[in-house]
Amino acid sequence: MEVEACRAGLLFGIHQGWLEVEIESNSILLIAALKREEIDLSEVGQVVDDCKAYMAAFQVVQVRHIFREANGVVDRLAHLARRGMLDDVWLGETPAIIQDVLYEDISHLYAVARGPDRDKK
């Protein structure tokens, strides 16, 4: 599902005329597949190859792994989509339904970056 979401997001960016895109995922396998230069022969290889082709449409592409602890927004949106409660696209302001989780993600991101022993003295 993550690779399908990546492909859909890249297509959306192309149609919006974006010049730069950042791809973040807590799936190490997806990030590795997108960075790999070889043709992907896995079950989702064609979708990965589509993503790589779409990435070429942007002037700047950043692909990076993020920790699951800093990825709660994705979980919330996936949960809402599974329940059929999500069919919107938001541009600009952060929608209210994810603001709380976004704040938690940012807090977790900084905590992970600092490391577990950083605050102990």
PDB file of N, CA and C in Angstrom:
ATOM      1  N   MET A   1       0.821  -1.201   0.000  1.00  0.00           N
ATOM      2  CA  MET A   1       0.000   0.000   0.000  1.00  0.00           C
ATOM      3  C   MET A   1       0.861   1.261   0.000  1.00  0.00           C
ATOM      4  N   GLU A   2       2.009   1.194   0.693  1.00  0.00           N
ATOM      5  CA  GLU A   2       2.845   2.398   0.752  1.00  0.00           C
ATOM      6  C   GLU A   2       3.403   2.772  -0.619  1.00  0.00           C
ATOM      7  N   VAL A   3       3.773   1.762  -1.393  1.00  0.00           N
ATOM      8  CA  VAL A   3       4.312   2.074  -2.715  1.00  0.00           C
ATOM      9  C   VAL A   3       3.210   2.617  -3.625  1.00  0.00           C
ATOM     10  N   GLU A   4       1.988   2.105  -3.470  1.00  0.00           N
ATOM     11  CA  GLU A   4       0.852   2.645  -4.238  1.00  0.00           C
ATOM     12  C   GLU A   4       0.576   4.093  -3.835  1.00  0.00           C
ATOM     13  N   ALA A   5       0.638   4.376  -2.537  1.00  0.00           N
ATOM     14  CA  ALA A   5       0.428   5.742  -2.055  1.00  0.00           C
ATOM     15  C   ALA A   5       1.530   6.666  -2.564  1.00  0.00           C
ATOM     16  N   CYS A   6       2.743   6.158  -2.620  1.00  0.00           N
ATOM     17  CA  CYS A   6       3.860   6.949  -3.148  1.00  0.00           C
ATOM     18  C   CYS A   6       3.622   7.296  -4.614  1.00  0.00           C
ATOM     19  N   ARG A   7       3.217   6.294  -5.387  1.00  0.00           N
ATOM     20  CA  ARG A   7       2.942   6.532  -6.813  1.00  0.00           C
ATOM     21  C   ARG A   7       1.818   7.560  -6.992  1.00  0.00           C
ATOM     22  N   ALA A   8       0.748   7.422  -6.215  1.00  0.00           N
ATOM     23  CA  ALA A   8      -0.369   8.367  -6.315  1.00  0.00           C
ATOM     24  C   ALA A   8       0.069   9.775  -5.914  1.00  0.00           C
ATOM     25  N   GLY A   9       0.877   9.877  -4.874  1.00  0.00           N
ATOM     26  CA  GLY A   9       1.365  11.186  -4.444  1.00  0.00           C
ATOM     27  C   GLY A   9       2.260  11.844  -5.480  1.00  0.00           C
ATOM     28  N   LEU A  10       3.117  11.047  -6.103  1.00  0.00           N
ATOM     29  CA  LEU A  10       3.988  11.594  -7.154  1.00  0.00           C
ATOM     30  C   LEU A  10       3.170  12.065  -8.359  1.00  0.00           C
ATOM     31  N   LEU A  11       2.187  11.275  -8.760  1.00  0.00           N
ATOM     32  CA  LEU A  11       1.313  11.691  -9.868  1.00  0.00           C
ATOM     33  C   LEU A  11       0.572  12.978  -9.524  1.00  0.00           C
ATOM     34  N   PHE A  12       0.101  13.072  -8.282  1.00  0.00           N
ATOM     35  CA  PHE A  12      -0.578  14.284  -7.843  1.00  0.00           C
ATOM     36  C   PHE A  12       0.362  15.490  -7.947  1.00  0.00           C
ATOM     37  N   GLY A  13       1.594  15.315  -7.491  1.00  0.00           N
ATOM     38  CA  GLY A  13       2.576  16.401  -7.570  1.00  0.00           C
ATOM     39  C   GLY A  13       2.867  16.826  -8.999  1.00  0.00           C
ATOM     40  N   ILE A  14       2.943  15.854  -9.887  1.00  0.00           N
ATOM     41  CA  ILE A  14       3.172  16.168 -11.305  1.00  0.00           C
ATOM     42  C   ILE A  14       2.005  16.983 -11.853  1.00  0.00           C
ATOM     43  N   HIS A  15       0.787  16.556 -11.563  1.00  0.00           N
ATOM     44  CA  HIS A  15      -0.406  17.263 -12.053  1.00  0.00           C
ATOM     45  C   HIS A  15      -0.548  18.654 -11.442  1.00  0.00           C
ATOM     46  N   GLN A  16      -0.017  18.837 -10.236  1.00  0.00           N
ATOM     47  CA  GLN A  16      -0.060  20.147  -9.586  1.00  0.00           C
ATOM     48  C   GLN A  16       1.061  21.066 -10.077  1.00  0.00           C
ATOM     49  N   GLY A  17       2.010  20.502 -10.817  1.00  0.00           N
ATOM     50  CA  GLY A  17       3.117  21.302 -11.346  1.00  0.00           C
ATOM     51  C   GLY A  17       4.212  21.590 -10.327  1.00  0.00           C
ATOM     52  N   TRP A  18       4.306  20.752  -9.298  1.00  0.00           N
ATOM     53  CA  TRP A  18       5.348  20.957  -8.296  1.00  0.00           C
ATOM     54  C   TRP A  18       6.715  20.713  -8.910  1.00  0.00           C
ATOM     55  N   LEU A  19       7.693  21.450  -8.439  1.00  0.00           N
ATOM     56  CA  LEU A  19       9.065  21.294  -8.905  1.00  0.00           C
ATOM     57  C   LEU A  19       9.904  20.464  -7.940  1.00  0.00           C
ATOM     58  N   GLU A  20       9.498  20.450  -6.681  1.00  0.00           N
ATOM     59  CA  GLU A  20      10.234  19.731  -5.646  1.00  0.00           C
ATOM     60  C   GLU A  20       9.284  18.803  -4.889  1.00  0.00           C
ATOM     61  N   VAL A  21       9.813  17.664  -4.446  1.00  0.00           N
ATOM     62  CA  VAL A  21       9.004  16.727  -3.671  1.00  0.00           C
ATOM     63  C   VAL A  21       9.902  16.034  -2.644  1.00  0.00           C
ATOM     64  N   GLU A  22       9.319  15.788  -1.475  1.00  0.00           N
ATOM     65  CA  GLU A  22       9.993  15.025  -0.426  1.00  0.00           C
ATOM     66  C   GLU A  22       9.184  13.762  -0.188  1.00  0.00           C
ATOM     67  N   ILE A  23       9.849  12.629  -0.252  1.00  0.00           N
ATOM     68  CA  ILE A  23       9.208  11.345   0.015  1.00  0.00           C
ATOM     69  C   ILE A  23       9.759  10.836   1.329  1.00  0.00           C
ATOM     70  N   GLU A  24       8.873  10.651   2.303  1.00  0.00           N
ATOM     71  CA  GLU A  24       9.262  10.128   3.602  1.00  0.00           C
ATOM     72  C   GLU A  24       8.444   8.877   3.865  1.00  0.00           C
ATOM     73  N   SER A  25       9.104   7.869   4.422  1.00  0.00           N
ATOM     74  CA  SER A  25       8.401   6.633   4.757  1.00  0.00           C
ATOM     75  C   SER A  25       9.114   5.964   5.918  1.00  0.00           C
ATOM     76  N   ASN A  26       8.337   5.236   6.724  1.00  0.00           N
ATOM     77  CA  ASN A  26       8.969   4.435   7.768  1.00  0.00           C
ATOM     78  C   ASN A  26       9.279   3.032   7.247  1.00  0.00           C
ATOM     79  N   SER A  27       9.042   2.801   5.965  1.00  0.00           N
ATOM     80  CA  SER A  27       9.357   1.520   5.340  1.00  0.00           C
ATOM     81  C   SER A  27      10.768   1.583   4.740  1.00  0.00           C
ATOM     82  N   ILE A  28      11.686   0.927   5.415  1.00  0.00           N
ATOM     83  CA  ILE A  28      13.063   0.895   4.907  1.00  0.00           C
ATOM     84  C   ILE A  28      13.103   0.231   3.531  1.00  0.00           C
ATOM     85  N   LEU A  29      12.250  -0.770   3.326  1.00  0.00           N
ATOM     86  CA  LEU A  29      12.229  -1.475   2.039  1.00  0.00           C
ATOM     87  C   LEU A  29      11.803  -0.541   0.905  1.00  0.00           C
ATOM     88  N   LEU A  30      10.792   0.295   1.146  1.00  0.00           N
ATOM     89  CA  LEU A  30      10.350   1.234   0.114  1.00  0.00           C
ATOM     90  C   LEU A  30      11.448   2.253  -0.190  1.00  0.00           C
ATOM     91  N   ILE A  31      12.047   2.810   0.836  1.00  0.00           N
ATOM     92  CA  ILE A  31      13.100   3.806   0.624  1.00  0.00           C
ATOM     93  C   ILE A  31      14.260   3.194  -0.143  1.00  0.00           C
ATOM     94  N   ALA A  32      14.673   1.989   0.239  1.00  0.00           N
ATOM     95  CA  ALA A  32      15.769   1.313  -0.468  1.00  0.00           C
ATOM     96  C   ALA A  32      15.401   1.049  -1.922  1.00  0.00           C
ATOM     97  N   ALA A  33      14.172   0.619  -2.161  1.00  0.00           N
ATOM     98  CA  ALA A  33      13.734   0.328  -3.537  1.00  0.00           C
ATOM     99  C   ALA A  33      13.738   1.594  -4.388  1.00  0.00           C
ATOM    100  N   LEU A  34      13.317   2.717  -3.810  1.00  0.00           N
ATOM    101  CA  LEU A  34      13.285   3.963  -4.575  1.00  0.00           C
ATOM    102  C   LEU A  34      14.690   4.481  -4.876  1.00  0.00           C
ATOM    103  N   LYS A  35      15.637   4.173  -4.013  1.00  0.00           N
ATOM    104  CA  LYS A  35      17.020   4.641  -4.201  1.00  0.00           C
ATOM    105  C   LYS A  35      17.848   3.703  -5.073  1.00  0.00           C
ATOM    106  N   ARG A  36      17.401   2.454  -5.207  1.00  0.00           N
ATOM    107  CA  ARG A  36      18.134   1.459  -5.976  1.00  0.00           C
ATOM    108  C   ARG A  36      18.071   1.800  -7.463  1.00  0.00           C
ATOM    109  N   GLU A  37      19.166   1.627  -8.149  1.00  0.00           N
ATOM    110  CA  GLU A  37      19.213   1.949  -9.574  1.00  0.00           C
ATOM    111  C   GLU A  37      18.769   0.791 -10.461  1.00  0.00           C
ATOM    112  N   GLU A  38      18.844  -0.424  -9.939  1.00  0.00           N
ATOM    113  CA  GLU A  38      18.481  -1.586 -10.736  1.00  0.00           C
ATOM    114  C   GLU A  38      16.959  -1.676 -10.897  1.00  0.00           C
ATOM    115  N   ILE A  39      16.544  -2.415 -11.908  1.00  0.00           N
ATOM    116  CA  ILE A  39      15.125  -2.686 -12.112  1.00  0.00           C
ATOM    117  C   ILE A  39      14.652  -3.578 -10.973  1.00  0.00           C
ATOM    118  N   ASP A  40      13.487  -3.281 -10.458  1.00  0.00           N
ATOM    119  CA  ASP A  40      12.930  -4.025  -9.322  1.00  0.00           C
ATOM    120  C   ASP A  40      12.134  -5.210  -9.847  1.00  0.00           C
ATOM    121  N   LEU A  41      12.536  -6.420  -9.471  1.00  0.00           N
ATOM    122  CA  LEU A  41      11.872  -7.633  -9.936  1.00  0.00           C
ATOM    123  C   LEU A  41      10.910  -8.209  -8.900  1.00  0.00           C
ATOM    124  N   SER A  42      10.628  -7.447  -7.859  1.00  0.00           N
ATOM    125  CA  SER A  42       9.706  -7.920  -6.819  1.00  0.00           C
ATOM    126  C   SER A  42       8.264  -7.860  -7.320  1.00  0.00           C
ATOM    127  N   GLU A  43       7.333  -8.291  -6.447  1.00  0.00           N
ATOM    128  CA  GLU A  43       5.914  -8.289  -6.799  1.00  0.00           C
ATOM    129  C   GLU A  43       5.401  -6.878  -7.100  1.00  0.00           C
ATOM    130  N   VAL A  44       5.985  -5.890  -6.457  1.00  0.00           N
ATOM    131  CA  VAL A  44       5.544  -4.500  -6.649  1.00  0.00           C
ATOM    132  C   VAL A  44       6.552  -3.719  -7.495  1.00  0.00           C
ATOM    133  N   GLY A  45       7.407  -4.450  -8.187  1.00  0.00           N
ATOM    134  CA  GLY A  45       8.474  -3.827  -8.962  1.00  0.00           C
ATOM    135  C   GLY A  45       7.992  -2.826  -9.998  1.00  0.00           C
ATOM    136  N   GLN A  46       6.901  -3.127 -10.683  1.00  0.00           N
ATOM    137  CA  GLN A  46       6.395  -2.201 -11.704  1.00  0.00           C
ATOM    138  C   GLN A  46       5.948  -0.890 -11.078  1.00  0.00           C
ATOM    139  N   VAL A  47       5.334  -0.972  -9.904  1.00  0.00           N
ATOM    140  CA  VAL A  47       4.885   0.245  -9.224  1.00  0.00           C
ATOM    141  C   VAL A  47       6.094   1.059  -8.762  1.00  0.00           C
ATOM    142  N   VAL A  48       7.118   0.369  -8.248  1.00  0.00           N
ATOM    143  CA  VAL A  48       8.360   1.052  -7.854  1.00  0.00           C
ATOM    144  C   VAL A  48       8.995   1.718  -9.063  1.00  0.00           C
ATOM    145  N   ASP A  49       9.034   1.003 -10.183  1.00  0.00           N
ATOM    146  CA  ASP A  49       9.604   1.575 -11.405  1.00  0.00           C
ATOM    147  C   ASP A  49       8.798   2.784 -11.883  1.00  0.00           C
ATOM    148  N   ASP A  50       7.481   2.727 -11.747  1.00  0.00           N
ATOM    149  CA  ASP A  50       6.645   3.886 -12.069  1.00  0.00           C
ATOM    150  C   ASP A  50       7.045   5.079 -11.193  1.00  0.00           C
ATOM    151  N   CYS A  51       7.213   4.811  -9.900  1.00  0.00           N
ATOM    152  CA  CYS A  51       7.600   5.889  -8.974  1.00  0.00           C
ATOM    153  C   CYS A  51       8.920   6.514  -9.402  1.00  0.00           C
ATOM    154  N   LYS A  52       9.884   5.673  -9.736  1.00  0.00           N
ATOM    155  CA  LYS A  52      11.192   6.193 -10.171  1.00  0.00           C
ATOM    156  C   LYS A  52      11.044   7.048 -11.426  1.00  0.00           C
ATOM    157  N   ALA A  53      10.216   6.618 -12.356  1.00  0.00           N
ATOM    158  CA  ALA A  53       9.994   7.392 -13.582  1.00  0.00           C
ATOM    159  C   ALA A  53       9.327   8.724 -13.254  1.00  0.00           C
ATOM    160  N   TYR A  54       8.352   8.710 -12.355  1.00  0.00           N
ATOM    161  CA  TYR A  54       7.666   9.948 -11.977  1.00  0.00           C
ATOM    162  C   TYR A  54       8.599  10.895 -11.225  1.00  0.00           C
ATOM    163  N   MET A  55       9.517  10.335 -10.448  1.00  0.00           N
ATOM    164  CA  MET A  55      10.463  11.171  -9.705  1.00  0.00           C
ATOM    165  C   MET A  55      11.318  12.016 -10.653  1.00  0.00           C
ATOM    166  N   ALA A  56      11.554  11.500 -11.846  1.00  0.00           N
ATOM    167  CA  ALA A  56      12.362  12.226 -12.826  1.00  0.00           C
ATOM    168  C   ALA A  56      11.673  13.503 -13.310  1.00  0.00           C
ATOM    169  N   ALA A  57      10.377  13.628 -13.073  1.00  0.00           N
ATOM    170  CA  ALA A  57       9.631  14.805 -13.524  1.00  0.00           C
ATOM    171  C   ALA A  57       9.876  16.021 -12.627  1.00  0.00           C
ATOM    172  N   PHE A  58      10.496  15.811 -11.468  1.00  0.00           N
ATOM    173  CA  PHE A  58      10.725  16.901 -10.521  1.00  0.00           C
ATOM    174  C   PHE A  58      12.170  17.382 -10.604  1.00  0.00           C
ATOM    175  N   GLN A  59      12.373  18.659 -10.315  1.00  0.00           N
ATOM    176  CA  GLN A  59      13.724  19.204 -10.305  1.00  0.00           C
ATOM    177  C   GLN A  59      14.499  18.745  -9.078  1.00  0.00           C
ATOM    178  N   VAL A  60      13.815  18.638  -7.956  1.00  0.00           N
ATOM    179  CA  VAL A  60      14.440  18.216  -6.700  1.00  0.00           C
ATOM    180  C   VAL A  60      13.583  17.126  -6.074  1.00  0.00           C
ATOM    181  N   VAL A  61      14.216  16.011  -5.711  1.00  0.00           N
ATOM    182  CA  VAL A  61      13.522  14.917  -5.036  1.00  0.00           C
ATOM    183  C   VAL A  61      14.372  14.495  -3.845  1.00  0.00           C
ATOM    184  N   GLN A  62      13.759  14.474  -2.678  1.00  0.00           N
ATOM    185  CA  GLN A  62      14.431  13.969  -1.480  1.00  0.00           C
ATOM    186  C   GLN A  62      13.679  12.729  -1.033  1.00  0.00           C
ATOM    187  N   VAL A  63      14.412  11.664  -0.800  1.00  0.00           N
ATOM    188  CA  VAL A  63      13.836  10.398  -0.355  1.00  0.00           C
ATOM    189  C   VAL A  63      14.522  10.043   0.951  1.00  0.00           C
ATOM    190  N   ARG A  64      13.730   9.895   2.026  1.00  0.00           N
ATOM    191  CA  ARG A  64      14.360   9.579   3.305  1.00  0.00           C
ATOM    192  C   ARG A  64      13.458   8.731   4.194  1.00  0.00           C
ATOM    193  N   HIS A  65      14.154   7.927   4.986  1.00  0.00           N
ATOM    194  CA  HIS A  65      13.490   7.089   5.979  1.00  0.00           C
ATOM    195  C   HIS A  65      13.210   7.921   7.225  1.00  0.00           C
ATOM    196  N   ILE A  66      12.034   7.726   7.806  1.00  0.00           N
ATOM    197  CA  ILE A  66      11.720   8.326   9.100  1.00  0.00           C
ATOM    198  C   ILE A  66      11.250   7.209  10.023  1.00  0.00           C
ATOM    199  N   PHE A  67      11.430   7.414  11.303  1.00  0.00           N
ATOM    200  CA  PHE A  67      11.050   6.394  12.262  1.00  0.00           C
ATOM    201  C   PHE A  67       9.542   6.357  12.453  1.00  0.00           C
ATOM    202  N   ARG A  68       9.047   5.175  12.734  1.00  0.00           N
ATOM    203  CA  ARG A  68       7.608   4.970  12.940  1.00  0.00           C
ATOM    204  C   ARG A  68       7.064   5.901  14.023  1.00  0.00           C
ATOM    205  N   GLU A  69       7.873   6.187  15.042  1.00  0.00           N
ATOM    206  CA  GLU A  69       7.440   7.052  16.126  1.00  0.00           C
ATOM    207  C   GLU A  69       7.152   8.476  15.657  1.00  0.00           C
ATOM    208  N   ALA A  70       7.688   8.854  14.526  1.00  0.00           N
ATOM    209  CA  ALA A  70       7.469  10.194  13.980  1.00  0.00           C
ATOM    210  C   ALA A  70       6.578  10.142  12.749  1.00  0.00           C
ATOM    211  N   ASN A  71       5.715   9.127  12.688  1.00  0.00           N
ATOM    212  CA  ASN A  71       4.906   8.921  11.491  1.00  0.00           C
ATOM    213  C   ASN A  71       3.436   8.656  11.832  1.00  0.00           C
ATOM    214  N   GLY A  72       2.951   9.249  12.914  1.00  0.00           N
ATOM    215  CA  GLY A  72       1.580   9.040  13.351  1.00  0.00           C
ATOM    216  C   GLY A  72       0.539   9.608  12.406  1.00  0.00           C
ATOM    217  N   VAL A  73       0.904  10.660  11.681  1.00  0.00           N
ATOM    218  CA  VAL A  73      -0.042  11.260  10.732  1.00  0.00           C
ATOM    219  C   VAL A  73      -0.438  10.234   9.679  1.00  0.00           C
ATOM    220  N   VAL A  74       0.527   9.478   9.201  1.00  0.00           N
ATOM    221  CA  VAL A  74       0.237   8.462   8.190  1.00  0.00           C
ATOM    222  C   VAL A  74      -0.722   7.415   8.751  1.00  0.00           C
ATOM    223  N   ASP A  75      -0.472   6.993   9.993  1.00  0.00           N
ATOM    224  CA  ASP A  75      -1.370   6.009  10.604  1.00  0.00           C
ATOM    225  C   ASP A  75      -2.790   6.556  10.720  1.00  0.00           C
ATOM    226  N   ARG A  76      -2.914   7.813  11.136  1.00  0.00           N
ATOM    227  CA  ARG A  76      -4.244   8.417  11.292  1.00  0.00           C
ATOM    228  C   ARG A  76      -4.949   8.494   9.944  1.00  0.00           C
ATOM    229  N   LEU A  77      -4.257   8.964   8.922  1.00  0.00           N
ATOM    230  CA  LEU A  77      -4.873   9.095   7.601  1.00  0.00           C
ATOM    231  C   LEU A  77      -5.236   7.734   7.012  1.00  0.00           C
ATOM    232  N   ALA A  78      -4.363   6.741   7.211  1.00  0.00           N
ATOM    233  CA  ALA A  78      -4.667   5.397   6.713  1.00  0.00           C
ATOM    234  C   ALA A  78      -5.899   4.835   7.413  1.00  0.00           C
ATOM    235  N   HIS A  79      -5.995   5.055   8.711  1.00  0.00           N
ATOM    236  CA  HIS A  79      -7.155   4.585   9.474  1.00  0.00           C
ATOM    237  C   HIS A  79      -8.441   5.233   8.946  1.00  0.00           C
ATOM    238  N   LEU A  80      -8.411   6.530   8.738  1.00  0.00           N
ATOM    239  CA  LEU A  80      -9.588   7.236   8.235  1.00  0.00           C
ATOM    240  C   LEU A  80      -9.950   6.781   6.823  1.00  0.00           C
ATOM    241  N   ALA A  81      -8.946   6.547   5.996  1.00  0.00           N
ATOM    242  CA  ALA A  81      -9.198   6.100   4.625  1.00  0.00           C
ATOM    243  C   ALA A  81      -9.823   4.713   4.616  1.00  0.00           C
ATOM    244  N   ARG A  82      -9.334   3.821   5.477  1.00  0.00           N
ATOM    245  CA  ARG A  82      -9.892   2.459   5.550  1.00  0.00           C
ATOM    246  C   ARG A  82     -11.362   2.481   5.942  1.00  0.00           C
ATOM    247  N   ARG A  83     -11.727   3.431   6.767  1.00  0.00           N
ATOM    248  CA  ARG A  83     -13.112   3.521   7.224  1.00  0.00           C
ATOM    249  C   ARG A  83     -13.987   4.324   6.256  1.00  0.00           C
ATOM    250  N   GLY A  84     -13.411   4.753   5.136  1.00  0.00           N
ATOM    251  CA  GLY A  84     -14.167   5.498   4.141  1.00  0.00           C
ATOM    252  C   GLY A  84     -14.477   6.929   4.568  1.00  0.00           C
ATOM    253  N   MET A  85     -13.711   7.435   5.508  1.00  0.00           N
ATOM    254  CA  MET A  85     -13.962   8.774   6.046  1.00  0.00           C
ATOM    255  C   MET A  85     -13.041   9.828   5.448  1.00  0.00           C
ATOM    256  N   LEU A  86     -12.305   9.447   4.418  1.00  0.00           N
ATOM    257  CA  LEU A  86     -11.303  10.367   3.900  1.00  0.00           C
ATOM    258  C   LEU A  86     -11.314  10.334   2.384  1.00  0.00           C
ATOM    259  N   ASP A  87     -11.661  11.439   1.774  1.00  0.00           N
ATOM    260  CA  ASP A  87     -11.584  11.537   0.326  1.00  0.00           C
ATOM    261  C   ASP A  87     -11.217  12.955  -0.084  1.00  0.00           C
ATOM    262  N   ASP A  88     -10.522  13.659   0.801  1.00  0.00           N
ATOM    263  CA  ASP A  88     -10.146  15.044   0.544  1.00  0.00           C
ATOM    264  C   ASP A  88      -8.664  15.169   0.227  1.00  0.00           C
ATOM    265  N   VAL A  89      -8.326  16.271  -0.405  1.00  0.00           N
ATOM    266  CA  VAL A  89      -6.938  16.663  -0.615  1.00  0.00           C
ATOM    267  C   VAL A  89      -6.803  18.038   0.002  1.00  0.00           C
ATOM    268  N   TRP A  90      -5.763  18.208   0.822  1.00  0.00           N
ATOM    269  CA  TRP A  90      -5.561  19.500   1.463  1.00  0.00           C
ATOM    270  C   TRP A  90      -4.286  20.135   0.943  1.00  0.00           C
ATOM    271  N   LEU A  91      -4.383  21.374   0.596  1.00  0.00           N
ATOM    272  CA  LEU A  91      -3.217  22.163   0.201  1.00  0.00           C
ATOM    273  C   LEU A  91      -3.201  23.397   1.093  1.00  0.00           C
ATOM    274  N   GLY A  92      -2.058  23.714   1.632  1.00  0.00           N
ATOM    275  CA  GLY A  92      -1.977  24.887   2.502  1.00  0.00           C
ATOM    276  C   GLY A  92      -2.006  24.504   3.957  1.00  0.00           C
ATOM    277  N   GLU A  93      -3.062  24.888   4.654  1.00  0.00           N
ATOM    278  CA  GLU A  93      -3.148  24.667   6.099  1.00  0.00           C
ATOM    279  C   GLU A  93      -3.325  23.197   6.449  1.00  0.00           C
ATOM    280  N   THR A  94      -2.796  22.840   7.616  1.00  0.00           N
ATOM    281  CA  THR A  94      -2.950  21.486   8.127  1.00  0.00           C
ATOM    282  C   THR A  94      -4.392  21.280   8.577  1.00  0.00           C
ATOM    283  N   PRO A  95      -5.046  20.222   8.117  1.00  0.00           N
ATOM    284  CA  PRO A  95      -6.437  19.990   8.531  1.00  0.00           C
ATOM    285  C   PRO A  95      -6.520  19.651  10.019  1.00  0.00           C
ATOM    286  N   ALA A  96      -7.618  20.038  10.638  1.00  0.00           N
ATOM    287  CA  ALA A  96      -7.811  19.851  12.080  1.00  0.00           C
ATOM    288  C   ALA A  96      -7.732  18.383  12.486  1.00  0.00           C
ATOM    289  N   ILE A  97      -8.145  17.465  11.600  1.00  0.00           N
ATOM    290  CA  ILE A  97      -8.192  16.051  11.988  1.00  0.00           C
ATOM    291  C   ILE A  97      -6.813  15.434  12.195  1.00  0.00           C
ATOM    292  N   ILE A  98      -5.731  16.116  11.795  1.00  0.00           N
ATOM    293  CA  ILE A  98      -4.389  15.561  12.027  1.00  0.00           C
ATOM    294  C   ILE A  98      -3.476  16.507  12.801  1.00  0.00           C
ATOM    295  N   GLN A  99      -3.950  17.676  13.199  1.00  0.00           N
ATOM    296  CA  GLN A  99      -3.079  18.631  13.884  1.00  0.00           C
ATOM    297  C   GLN A  99      -2.480  18.055  15.165  1.00  0.00           C
ATOM    298  N   ASP A 100      -3.288  17.345  15.960  1.00  0.00           N
ATOM    299  CA  ASP A 100      -2.774  16.797  17.217  1.00  0.00           C
ATOM    300  C   ASP A 100      -1.684  15.757  16.966  1.00  0.00           C
ATOM    301  N   VAL A 101      -1.899  14.899  15.975  1.00  0.00           N
ATOM    302  CA  VAL A 101      -0.925  13.851  15.680  1.00  0.00           C
ATOM    303  C   VAL A 101       0.335  14.453  15.065  1.00  0.00           C
ATOM    304  N   LEU A 102       0.188  15.487  14.260  1.00  0.00           N
ATOM    305  CA  LEU A 102       1.340  16.156  13.673  1.00  0.00           C
ATOM    306  C   LEU A 102       2.234  16.730  14.769  1.00  0.00           C
ATOM    307  N   TYR A 103       1.627  17.345  15.773  1.00  0.00           N
ATOM    308  CA  TYR A 103       2.393  17.888  16.889  1.00  0.00           C
ATOM    309  C   TYR A 103       3.148  16.756  17.605  1.00  0.00           C
ATOM    310  N   GLU A 104       2.482  15.614  17.829  1.00  0.00           N
ATOM    311  CA  GLU A 104       3.140  14.474  18.469  1.00  0.00           C
ATOM    312  C   GLU A 104       4.279  13.939  17.612  1.00  0.00           C
ATOM    313  N   ASP A 105       4.074  13.866  16.295  1.00  0.00           N
ATOM    314  CA  ASP A 105       5.132  13.398  15.397  1.00  0.00           C
ATOM    315  C   ASP A 105       6.365  14.285  15.502  1.00  0.00           C
ATOM    316  N   ILE A 106       6.156  15.583  15.504  1.00  0.00           N
ATOM    317  CA  ILE A 106       7.284  16.516  15.587  1.00  0.00           C
ATOM    318  C   ILE A 106       8.008  16.337  16.914  1.00  0.00           C
ATOM    319  N   SER A 107       7.260  16.183  17.990  1.00  0.00           N
ATOM    320  CA  SER A 107       7.859  15.971  19.310  1.00  0.00           C
ATOM    321  C   SER A 107       8.680  14.683  19.325  1.00  0.00           C
ATOM    322  N   HIS A 108       8.125  13.600  18.765  1.00  0.00           N
ATOM    323  CA  HIS A 108       8.844  12.331  18.713  1.00  0.00           C
ATOM    324  C   HIS A 108      10.077  12.433  17.821  1.00  0.00           C
ATOM    325  N   LEU A 109       9.974  13.159  16.730  1.00  0.00           N
ATOM    326  CA  LEU A 109      11.098  13.322  15.820  1.00  0.00           C
ATOM    327  C   LEU A 109      12.274  13.970  16.533  1.00  0.00           C
ATOM    328  N   TYR A 110      12.013  15.032  17.286  1.00  0.00           N
ATOM    329  CA  TYR A 110      13.082  15.706  18.026  1.00  0.00           C
ATOM    330  C   TYR A 110      13.637  14.806  19.128  1.00  0.00           C
ATOM    331  N   ALA A 111      12.785  14.033  19.783  1.00  0.00           N
ATOM    332  CA  ALA A 111      13.245  13.122  20.833  1.00  0.00           C
ATOM    333  C   ALA A 111      14.161  12.049  20.255  1.00  0.00           C
ATOM    334  N   VAL A 112      13.792  11.492  19.113  1.00  0.00           N
ATOM    335  CA  VAL A 112      14.610  10.466  18.464  1.00  0.00           C
ATOM    336  C   VAL A 112      15.931  11.063  18.004  1.00  0.00           C
ATOM    337  N   ALA A 113      15.902  12.284  17.471  1.00  0.00           N
ATOM    338  CA  ALA A 113      17.120  12.944  16.989  1.00  0.00           C
ATOM    339  C   ALA A 113      18.084  13.219  18.141  1.00  0.00           C
ATOM    340  N   ARG A 114      17.533  13.565  19.321  1.00  0.00           N
ATOM    341  CA  ARG A 114      18.381  13.855  20.478  1.00  0.00           C
ATOM    342  C   ARG A 114      19.016  12.592  21.024  1.00  0.00           C
ATOM    343  N   GLY A 115      18.303  11.491  20.931  1.00  0.00           N
ATOM    344  CA  GLY A 115      18.802  10.246  21.475  1.00  0.00           C
ATOM    345  C   GLY A 115      18.317  10.032  22.898  1.00  0.00           C
ATOM    346  N   PRO A 116      18.360   8.792  23.365  1.00  0.00           N
ATOM    347  CA  PRO A 116      17.783   8.465  24.667  1.00  0.00           C
ATOM    348  C   PRO A 116      18.555   9.032  25.859  1.00  0.00           C
ATOM    349  N   ASP A 117      19.847   9.248  25.723  1.00  0.00           N
ATOM    350  CA  ASP A 117      20.656   9.697  26.871  1.00  0.00           C
ATOM    351  C   ASP A 117      20.955  11.185  26.834  1.00  0.00           C
ATOM    352  N   ARG A 118      20.433  11.895  25.894  1.00  0.00           N
ATOM    353  CA  ARG A 118      20.777  13.304  25.703  1.00  0.00           C
ATOM    354  C   ARG A 118      20.359  14.171  26.893  1.00  0.00           C
ATOM    355  N   ASP A 119      19.186  13.875  27.485  1.00  0.00           N
ATOM    356  CA  ASP A 119      18.686  14.702  28.568  1.00  0.00           C
ATOM    357  C   ASP A 119      19.216  14.276  29.934  1.00  0.00           C
ATOM    358  N   LYS A 120      19.890  13.131  30.001  1.00  0.00           N
ATOM    359  CA  LYS A 120      20.408  12.657  31.286  1.00  0.00           C
ATOM    360  C   LYS A 120      21.768  13.282  31.556  1.00  0.00           C
ATOM    361  N   LYS A 121      21.938  13.849  32.736  1.00  0.00           N
ATOM    362  CA  LYS A 121      23.233  14.430  33.095  1.00  0.00           C
ATOM    363  C   LYS A 121      23.512  14.208  34.539  1.00  0.00           C
TER     364      LYS A 121
END
